[in-house]
Amino acid sequence: VHVGNLRKKLRDRGGDPLIHTVRGVGYVFQKEAPG
């Protein structure tokens, strides 16, 4: 829930998605999706 709220606030400000979910690990903050 908290991460979703942070994502929404960042999106509303017009920023690029910075919070990405890494399955089995947690979250990572970076400009592009981990790959």
C-alpha atoms as a PDB file:
ATOM      1  CA  VAL A   1       0.000   0.000   0.000  1.00  0.00           C
ATOM      2  CA  HIS A   2       2.741   2.466   0.944  1.00  0.00           C
ATOM      3  CA  VAL A   3       4.792   1.776  -2.171  1.00  0.00           C
ATOM      4  CA  GLY A   4       1.684   2.235  -4.306  1.00  0.00           C
ATOM      5  CA  ASN A   5       1.067   5.627  -2.704  1.00  0.00           C
ATOM      6  CA  LEU A   6       4.673   6.670  -3.333  1.00  0.00           C
ATOM      7  CA  ARG A   7       4.428   5.557  -6.961  1.00  0.00           C
ATOM      8  CA  LYS A   8       1.226   7.579  -7.402  1.00  0.00           C
ATOM      9  CA  LYS A   9       2.772  10.727  -5.903  1.00  0.00           C
ATOM     10  CA  LEU A  10       5.811  10.431  -8.170  1.00  0.00           C
ATOM     11  CA  ARG A  11       3.619   9.789 -11.226  1.00  0.00           C
ATOM     12  CA  ASP A  12       1.388  12.786 -10.402  1.00  0.00           C
ATOM     13  CA  ARG A  13       4.467  15.021 -10.366  1.00  0.00           C
ATOM     14  CA  GLY A  14       5.297  13.883 -13.885  1.00  0.00           C
ATOM     15  CA  GLY A  15       8.377  11.905 -12.959  1.00  0.00           C
ATOM     16  CA  ASP A  16       9.635   8.710 -14.518  1.00  0.00           C
ATOM     17  CA  PRO A  17       8.851   5.475 -12.671  1.00  0.00           C
ATOM     18  CA  LEU A  18      11.628   5.089 -10.090  1.00  0.00           C
ATOM     19  CA  ILE A  19      10.333   2.309  -7.849  1.00  0.00           C
ATOM     20  CA  HIS A  20      10.498  -1.148  -9.380  1.00  0.00           C
ATOM     21  CA  THR A  21       9.479  -4.457  -7.845  1.00  0.00           C
ATOM     22  CA  VAL A  22      12.154  -7.153  -7.917  1.00  0.00           C
ATOM     23  CA  ARG A  23      10.353 -10.439  -7.524  1.00  0.00           C
ATOM     24  CA  GLY A  24      11.567 -12.436  -4.535  1.00  0.00           C
ATOM     25  CA  VAL A  25      13.757  -9.570  -3.317  1.00  0.00           C
ATOM     26  CA  GLY A  26      11.763  -6.393  -2.738  1.00  0.00           C
ATOM     27  CA  TYR A  27      12.040  -2.999  -4.374  1.00  0.00           C
ATOM     28  CA  VAL A  28      14.751  -1.102  -6.196  1.00  0.00           C
ATOM     29  CA  PHE A  29      14.977   2.609  -6.982  1.00  0.00           C
ATOM     30  CA  GLN A  30      16.368   3.305 -10.447  1.00  0.00           C
ATOM     31  CA  LYS A  31      15.466   5.100 -13.666  1.00  0.00           C
ATOM     32  CA  GLU A  32      14.946   2.000 -15.826  1.00  0.00           C
ATOM     33  CA  ALA A  33      13.373  -1.324 -14.957  1.00  0.00           C
ATOM     34  CA  PRO A  34      15.891  -3.957 -13.837  1.00  0.00           C
ATOM     35  CA  GLY A  35      16.593  -6.411 -16.545  1.00  0.00           C
END
